Protein backbone atom coordinates (compact mmCIF):
# COMPACT_ATOMS: atom_id res chain seq x y z
CA MET A 1 67.61 -14.40 -50.38
CA PRO A 2 70.52 -15.59 -52.54
CA GLU A 3 69.62 -17.56 -55.64
CA THR A 4 70.69 -20.89 -54.14
CA SER A 5 68.49 -20.23 -51.12
CA ARG A 6 65.44 -19.54 -53.29
CA GLU A 7 66.04 -22.70 -55.31
CA ALA A 8 66.32 -24.76 -52.13
CA ALA A 9 63.20 -23.16 -50.71
CA ILE A 10 60.92 -23.81 -53.69
CA GLY A 11 62.06 -27.28 -54.73
CA GLY A 12 59.85 -30.34 -54.60
CA PHE A 13 56.05 -30.33 -54.61
CA VAL A 14 53.29 -28.02 -53.47
CA SER A 15 49.77 -29.01 -52.47
CA VAL A 16 46.82 -28.31 -54.74
CA GLU A 17 45.34 -26.17 -51.94
CA LEU A 18 48.37 -23.86 -51.78
CA ALA A 19 48.65 -23.75 -55.57
CA ALA A 20 45.03 -22.56 -55.72
CA LYS A 21 45.76 -19.78 -53.20
CA VAL A 22 48.81 -18.64 -55.13
CA ALA A 23 46.94 -18.71 -58.45
CA GLY A 24 43.97 -16.89 -56.96
CA ILE A 25 41.43 -19.44 -58.17
CA ALA A 26 38.93 -21.68 -56.39
CA GLN A 27 40.31 -24.86 -54.85
CA ASN A 28 37.86 -27.11 -56.73
CA GLU A 29 38.95 -25.52 -60.03
CA MET A 30 42.60 -26.25 -59.19
CA GLN A 31 41.60 -29.80 -58.26
CA ARG A 32 39.95 -30.19 -61.69
CA ILE A 33 43.07 -28.89 -63.49
CA ALA A 34 45.38 -31.14 -61.46
CA ALA A 35 43.16 -34.18 -62.03
CA ALA A 36 43.27 -33.62 -65.80
CA PHE A 37 47.08 -33.54 -65.80
CA ALA A 38 47.27 -36.52 -63.43
CA LYS A 39 45.38 -38.54 -66.07
CA GLY A 40 48.03 -37.80 -68.68
CA ARG A 41 46.49 -34.87 -70.55
CA GLU A 42 49.07 -32.43 -71.91
CA GLU A 43 46.99 -29.34 -72.48
CA PRO A 44 48.94 -26.18 -71.52
CA TRP A 45 47.87 -24.22 -68.48
CA PHE A 46 49.07 -20.62 -68.33
CA GLY A 47 51.76 -21.47 -70.86
CA THR A 48 53.20 -24.46 -69.03
CA VAL A 49 52.55 -28.15 -68.45
CA LEU A 50 51.98 -29.23 -64.85
CA GLU A 51 53.67 -32.24 -63.32
CA VAL A 52 51.21 -33.83 -60.89
CA ARG A 53 51.72 -36.78 -58.56
CA THR A 54 48.84 -38.65 -56.97
CA GLU A 55 49.05 -40.59 -53.70
CA LYS A 56 46.52 -42.33 -51.51
CA VAL A 57 46.71 -41.20 -47.90
CA MET A 58 44.43 -42.96 -45.40
CA GLY A 59 42.32 -44.17 -48.30
CA ARG A 60 41.89 -40.72 -49.83
CA ARG A 61 43.46 -39.49 -53.08
CA HIS A 62 45.93 -36.65 -52.51
CA ARG A 63 47.53 -34.62 -55.30
CA ASP A 64 50.64 -32.43 -55.35
CA ILE A 65 52.12 -30.26 -58.11
CA ARG A 66 55.85 -29.96 -58.82
CA VAL A 67 56.88 -26.37 -58.10
CA SER A 68 59.27 -26.12 -61.06
CA SER A 69 56.35 -26.89 -63.42
CA LEU A 70 54.29 -23.93 -62.18
CA PRO A 71 54.13 -20.66 -64.15
CA ALA A 72 56.92 -18.19 -63.34
CA ALA A 73 54.50 -15.75 -61.68
CA MET A 74 53.36 -18.46 -59.26
CA ARG A 75 56.95 -19.48 -58.46
CA MET A 76 57.77 -15.85 -57.66
CA ALA A 77 54.68 -15.56 -55.47
CA LEU A 78 55.76 -18.62 -53.48
CA GLU A 79 58.98 -16.77 -52.56
CA SER A 80 57.02 -13.84 -51.09
CA ASP A 81 56.13 -13.32 -47.44
CA ALA A 82 52.55 -14.30 -48.27
CA TYR A 83 53.39 -17.90 -49.17
CA ARG A 84 56.99 -18.93 -48.50
CA PHE A 85 56.36 -20.00 -44.90
CA LEU A 86 53.32 -22.01 -46.02
CA LEU A 87 55.46 -23.66 -48.68
CA ALA A 88 58.15 -24.44 -46.11
CA ALA A 89 55.50 -25.96 -43.81
CA GLU A 90 54.48 -28.31 -46.64
CA GLN A 91 58.03 -29.24 -47.61
CA VAL A 92 59.68 -29.72 -44.21
CA ALA A 93 61.29 -33.15 -44.11
CA PRO A 94 60.26 -35.75 -41.49
CA GLY A 95 62.70 -35.67 -38.59
CA ALA A 96 63.92 -32.11 -39.32
CA GLU A 97 64.63 -29.76 -36.42
CA LEU A 98 61.69 -27.54 -37.36
CA ARG A 99 58.13 -28.81 -37.73
CA PRO A 100 55.37 -27.66 -40.08
CA GLN A 101 53.67 -25.78 -37.22
CA ASP A 102 56.87 -23.76 -36.70
CA PHE A 103 56.69 -22.37 -40.23
CA LEU A 104 52.96 -21.78 -39.84
CA LEU A 105 53.76 -19.62 -36.79
CA LEU A 106 56.07 -17.52 -38.97
CA HIS A 107 53.30 -17.27 -41.55
CA ARG A 108 50.93 -15.89 -38.91
CA ALA A 109 53.62 -13.46 -37.76
CA ALA A 110 54.12 -12.21 -41.32
CA HIS A 111 50.42 -11.32 -41.50
CA ALA A 112 49.96 -10.06 -37.93
CA GLU A 113 49.65 -6.35 -37.19
CA PHE A 114 52.17 -5.56 -34.48
CA GLY A 115 53.83 -2.43 -35.81
CA ALA A 116 56.74 -4.02 -37.70
CA PRO A 117 55.72 -4.84 -41.30
CA ARG A 118 59.26 -5.66 -42.50
CA LEU A 119 60.49 -7.23 -39.28
CA VAL A 120 59.49 -10.82 -40.09
CA SER A 121 61.40 -10.73 -43.39
CA ASP A 122 64.46 -9.25 -41.68
CA VAL A 123 64.33 -11.80 -38.86
CA ALA A 124 63.87 -14.66 -41.34
CA ALA A 125 66.91 -13.45 -43.32
CA MET A 126 68.94 -13.38 -40.09
CA MET A 127 67.65 -16.84 -39.21
CA CYS A 128 68.67 -18.32 -42.59
CA LYS A 129 72.18 -16.78 -42.66
CA GLY A 130 72.13 -17.03 -46.45
CA GLY A 131 71.09 -20.68 -46.45
CA SER A 132 67.83 -22.49 -47.09
CA LEU A 133 64.79 -21.77 -44.95
CA LEU A 134 64.31 -25.54 -44.65
CA ASN A 135 67.71 -26.02 -42.97
CA VAL A 136 67.34 -23.50 -40.14
CA SER A 137 68.43 -24.83 -36.75
CA ARG A 138 66.11 -24.95 -33.76
CA THR A 139 68.40 -22.57 -31.85
CA LEU A 140 68.25 -19.87 -34.54
CA TYR A 141 64.50 -20.34 -34.95
CA ASP A 142 63.86 -19.92 -31.21
CA LEU A 143 66.00 -16.77 -31.19
CA ALA A 144 64.02 -15.42 -34.15
CA VAL A 145 60.58 -15.92 -32.61
CA ASP A 146 61.79 -14.50 -29.28
CA ASN A 147 62.78 -11.34 -31.18
CA LEU A 148 59.31 -11.24 -32.74
CA TYR A 149 57.76 -11.55 -29.27
CA GLY A 150 59.89 -8.67 -28.00
CA PHE A 151 58.65 -6.51 -30.87
CA GLY A 152 55.02 -7.23 -30.01
CA PHE A 153 53.93 -10.42 -31.82
CA ARG A 154 51.62 -12.60 -29.70
CA ASP A 155 50.35 -16.10 -30.47
CA ASP A 156 49.12 -19.07 -28.45
CA ALA A 157 52.06 -21.08 -29.83
CA LEU A 158 54.46 -18.54 -28.27
CA PRO A 159 53.78 -18.59 -24.49
CA GLY A 160 54.59 -15.44 -22.54
CA VAL A 161 55.99 -17.35 -19.54
CA SER A 162 58.72 -19.98 -19.64
CA ALA A 163 58.04 -23.69 -19.18
CA ASP A 164 59.34 -23.91 -15.57
CA TYR A 165 57.01 -21.11 -14.44
CA ARG A 166 54.04 -22.65 -16.29
CA ASP A 167 54.84 -25.98 -14.61
CA TRP A 168 54.93 -24.18 -11.25
CA LEU A 169 51.47 -22.71 -11.87
CA ASP A 170 50.11 -26.13 -12.83
CA ALA A 171 51.66 -27.87 -9.81
CA SER A 172 50.38 -25.13 -7.46
CA ARG A 173 46.78 -25.24 -8.67
CA ARG A 174 46.76 -29.08 -8.50
CA LEU A 175 48.14 -28.92 -4.96
CA LEU A 176 45.23 -26.62 -4.10
CA GLY A 177 42.74 -28.99 -5.75
CA MET A 178 41.70 -26.59 -8.54
CA SER A 179 40.04 -28.28 -11.50
CA ASP A 180 40.82 -27.23 -15.07
CA ARG A 181 37.49 -25.43 -15.24
CA TYR A 182 38.00 -23.59 -11.94
CA PHE A 183 41.54 -22.57 -12.90
CA ALA A 184 40.37 -21.24 -16.30
CA ALA A 185 37.72 -19.17 -14.49
CA LEU A 186 40.37 -17.90 -12.08
CA LEU A 187 42.57 -16.82 -14.98
CA VAL A 188 39.68 -14.84 -16.48
CA GLU A 189 38.86 -13.19 -13.15
CA LEU A 190 42.42 -12.25 -12.15
CA VAL A 191 44.20 -11.46 -15.43
CA GLY A 192 41.56 -11.54 -18.16
CA VAL A 193 42.72 -14.58 -20.16
CA ASP A 194 41.36 -18.12 -20.26
CA ARG A 195 44.54 -20.13 -20.95
CA PRO A 196 47.95 -20.20 -19.20
CA GLU A 197 49.70 -19.79 -22.58
CA ARG A 198 48.19 -16.31 -22.90
CA ILE A 199 49.54 -14.79 -19.70
CA ASP A 200 52.52 -12.43 -19.70
CA GLY A 201 55.03 -11.84 -16.93
CA ARG A 202 52.87 -9.34 -15.02
CA ASP A 203 49.92 -11.75 -15.17
CA PHE A 204 52.17 -14.49 -13.78
CA ILE A 205 53.14 -12.36 -10.77
CA ILE A 206 49.46 -11.70 -9.99
CA LEU A 207 48.60 -15.42 -10.26
CA ALA A 208 51.64 -16.51 -8.24
CA HIS A 209 50.80 -14.14 -5.38
CA HIS A 210 47.18 -15.39 -5.34
CA LEU A 211 48.19 -19.07 -5.31
CA MET A 212 50.74 -18.49 -2.54
CA LYS A 213 48.11 -16.64 -0.48
CA GLU A 214 45.72 -19.58 -0.94
CA GLY A 215 48.28 -22.02 0.47
CA GLY A 216 50.38 -22.96 -2.55
CA PRO A 217 54.21 -23.22 -2.63
CA LYS A 218 55.88 -20.20 -1.04
CA SER A 219 58.75 -19.89 -3.50
CA LEU A 220 59.27 -19.85 -7.25
CA PRO A 221 61.68 -22.15 -9.10
CA GLY A 222 65.26 -21.16 -8.36
CA ARG A 223 67.03 -19.19 -11.09
CA ASP A 224 70.40 -17.52 -11.47
CA TYR A 225 70.97 -17.68 -15.22
CA MET A 226 72.40 -14.34 -16.35
CA ASP A 227 76.10 -13.50 -16.19
CA ARG A 228 77.57 -10.00 -15.74
CA GLU A 229 77.90 -9.42 -19.47
CA ALA A 230 74.23 -10.21 -20.15
CA ILE A 231 73.09 -8.01 -17.27
CA GLY A 232 75.39 -5.23 -18.47
CA ILE A 233 73.82 -5.22 -21.94
CA LEU A 234 70.34 -4.66 -20.50
CA SER A 235 71.71 -2.03 -18.11
CA GLU A 236 73.32 -0.26 -21.07
CA ALA A 237 69.96 -0.30 -22.89
CA ARG A 238 68.23 1.18 -19.85
CA HIS A 239 70.66 4.09 -19.63
CA GLN A 240 70.67 4.68 -23.39
CA LEU A 241 66.86 4.88 -23.41
CA GLY A 242 66.73 7.01 -20.26
CA LEU A 243 64.39 4.61 -18.42
CA SER A 244 63.74 4.94 -14.71
CA TYR A 245 64.34 1.90 -12.51
CA ASN A 246 60.60 1.25 -12.23
CA GLU A 247 60.11 1.52 -16.00
CA PHE A 248 63.05 -0.79 -16.58
CA MET A 249 61.88 -3.43 -14.10
CA GLY A 250 58.31 -3.21 -15.44
CA ILE A 251 59.59 -4.27 -18.86
CA VAL A 252 61.85 -6.97 -17.43
CA MET A 253 58.95 -8.40 -15.42
CA THR A 254 56.29 -8.24 -18.15
CA ILE A 255 58.28 -9.16 -21.27
CA GLY A 256 60.83 -11.34 -19.46
CA GLY A 257 58.20 -13.71 -18.06
CA GLY A 258 57.50 -12.80 -14.44
CA VAL A 259 60.95 -12.42 -12.85
CA HIS A 260 61.76 -10.01 -10.02
CA SER A 261 65.43 -9.66 -10.96
CA VAL A 262 67.40 -9.36 -14.18
CA ARG A 263 69.61 -12.19 -12.96
CA ASP A 264 66.57 -14.51 -12.89
CA LEU A 265 65.84 -14.11 -16.61
CA ASP A 266 66.32 -17.23 -18.69
CA THR A 267 67.73 -17.08 -22.23
CA THR A 268 64.26 -16.73 -23.77
CA GLY A 269 63.29 -13.89 -21.43
CA TRP A 270 66.59 -12.09 -21.96
CA CYS A 271 66.27 -12.21 -25.76
CA ARG A 272 62.70 -10.92 -25.58
CA VAL A 273 63.59 -8.05 -23.24
CA ARG A 274 66.55 -7.03 -25.41
CA ALA A 275 64.36 -7.12 -28.54
CA HIS A 276 61.78 -4.94 -26.77
CA PHE A 277 64.48 -2.39 -25.94
CA MET A 278 65.53 -2.46 -29.61
CA LYS A 279 61.91 -1.73 -30.53
CA LEU A 280 62.08 1.32 -28.21
CA GLY A 281 65.19 2.54 -30.04
CA TYR A 282 68.13 0.85 -28.32
CA HIS A 283 71.23 0.45 -30.50
CA ALA A 284 73.95 -1.88 -29.25
CA PRO A 285 77.14 0.18 -29.08
CA GLU A 286 80.41 -0.85 -30.68
CA PRO A 287 82.93 -2.24 -28.16
CA ALA A 288 85.28 0.34 -26.68
CA PRO A 289 88.70 0.56 -28.38
CA ARG A 290 91.61 -0.96 -26.49
CA VAL A 291 94.25 1.40 -25.05
CA SER A 292 97.81 0.77 -23.89
CA GLY A 293 97.26 2.07 -20.36
CA ALA A 294 100.59 3.90 -20.40
CA ALA A 295 101.29 6.09 -17.37
CA GLY A 296 99.72 9.53 -17.69
CA PHE A 297 97.33 8.50 -20.50
CA ILE A 298 93.74 7.27 -20.51
CA SER A 299 93.21 3.89 -18.79
CA GLN A 300 90.94 1.12 -20.09
CA PRO A 301 88.21 1.63 -17.42
CA ARG A 302 88.13 5.38 -18.25
CA MET A 303 87.98 4.54 -21.98
CA ASN A 304 85.06 2.11 -21.39
CA LEU A 305 83.08 4.79 -19.51
CA LEU A 306 83.97 7.56 -21.96
CA TRP A 307 83.08 5.38 -24.95
CA ARG A 308 79.67 4.65 -23.46
CA LEU A 309 79.01 8.32 -22.68
CA ALA A 310 80.24 9.57 -26.05
CA GLN A 311 78.24 7.18 -28.28
CA ASP A 312 75.35 9.57 -28.93
CA GLN A 313 76.85 12.84 -27.73
CA SER A 314 80.21 13.27 -29.40
CA GLN A 315 81.80 13.05 -32.80
CA LEU A 316 85.25 12.39 -31.34
CA ALA A 317 87.33 9.99 -33.40
CA THR A 318 88.76 6.83 -31.84
CA ALA A 319 92.31 8.11 -32.32
CA GLU A 320 91.45 11.31 -30.42
CA LEU A 321 90.01 9.36 -27.49
CA CYS A 322 92.95 6.94 -27.32
CA SER A 323 95.45 9.82 -27.20
CA LEU A 324 93.80 11.58 -24.24
CA THR A 325 95.81 12.14 -21.08
CA THR A 326 94.37 11.07 -17.73
CA ALA A 327 93.45 14.67 -16.88
CA GLY A 328 91.91 15.27 -20.31
CA ALA A 329 89.85 12.09 -20.08
CA ASP A 330 88.56 13.10 -16.64
CA ARG A 331 87.53 16.56 -17.87
CA LEU A 332 85.69 15.08 -20.87
CA ILE A 333 83.94 12.48 -18.69
CA ASP A 334 82.81 15.20 -16.29
CA ALA A 335 81.40 17.27 -19.16
CA LEU A 336 79.50 14.35 -20.67
CA LEU A 337 78.23 13.15 -17.28
CA ALA A 338 76.92 16.64 -16.50
CA ALA A 339 74.73 16.53 -19.62
CA VAL A 340 73.41 13.08 -18.70
CA ILE A 341 72.60 14.11 -15.13
CA GLU A 342 70.90 17.29 -16.35
CA ARG A 343 68.61 15.30 -18.67
CA ARG A 344 67.70 12.80 -15.95
CA VAL A 345 66.92 15.51 -13.41
CA ALA A 346 64.72 17.28 -15.97
CA LYS A 347 62.88 14.03 -16.71
CA MET A 348 62.31 13.30 -12.99
CA THR A 349 61.03 16.85 -12.47
CA ASN A 350 58.64 16.55 -15.41
CA ASN A 351 57.35 13.17 -14.15
CA ALA A 352 56.82 14.57 -10.65
CA THR A 353 54.91 17.55 -12.06
CA ALA A 354 52.74 15.26 -14.17
CA ASP A 355 51.97 13.07 -11.11
CA ARG A 356 50.89 16.07 -9.04
CA SER A 357 48.60 17.32 -11.81
CA ARG A 358 46.66 14.06 -11.96
């Protein structure tokens, strides 16, 4: 982070409990040290003098330590992945867009094992945009945790199915007279989890089909959220990764929250699916260069197709592509398409051979 961001992130006070964790000492020992300084003693502690404030909360004495009075090593530790989200959870202002539990979710993500050790730091940097962690907007935060979900992070505070689908499940089971206990048992039997927050999109489809068969509502909440551009980005990812239609729709259904169509994804589901494709190796291509469309030279639709085909297969410079004639563009498109078709046919043949051998 920039220096101003670090200063904003570590200002104010830190609890005795977190100070003990950072210092690596027992909590009761840190309480003893803080109590001594709260009574006015000025004995140095690790080469510094602590500033301690004492407040009574619900009749109990509560102590905090000013961060700037901590030893330099402890201040540096508070900026690390191990503690900065805990510090933010303690210092979030009342009425702020983010709550303490939001920062605690990021803390759990930073210590979770889901195959992306540096991802949380990178996502947090994107979320902050060079500013203070404490001033992140709700919109940027939600985008960040959706990216973490797409990369494999799971937590009860990050449901796998959107609110409207969870509400549909709840309304359906109540219509059928299922108690909380019966519904929890049904979840375990059908999809292997005991809480609705823990289901993913594939689990939702299984539950929805069962509830409909038992006499529940015959249709899901209506959706038509995605525009052509959003659908096109996921389609581009599918072709770049070489996914079959069934593989593609399996990811959309499972990661996207139980939809049968890309158009039915909501914003959360779309962000999670795109992040999952990025985990698989998808790189968003640069936009195609604009061309004049002069008679006899490459048109914009041909340039868009050629640009997409040439991203990973050609070292052609932009100037070379823009100067192509119509006939030259068609020949180059045919050559690049032939390589794509050849790879897809080979993959289908290999998959068919593998299926027969099982």
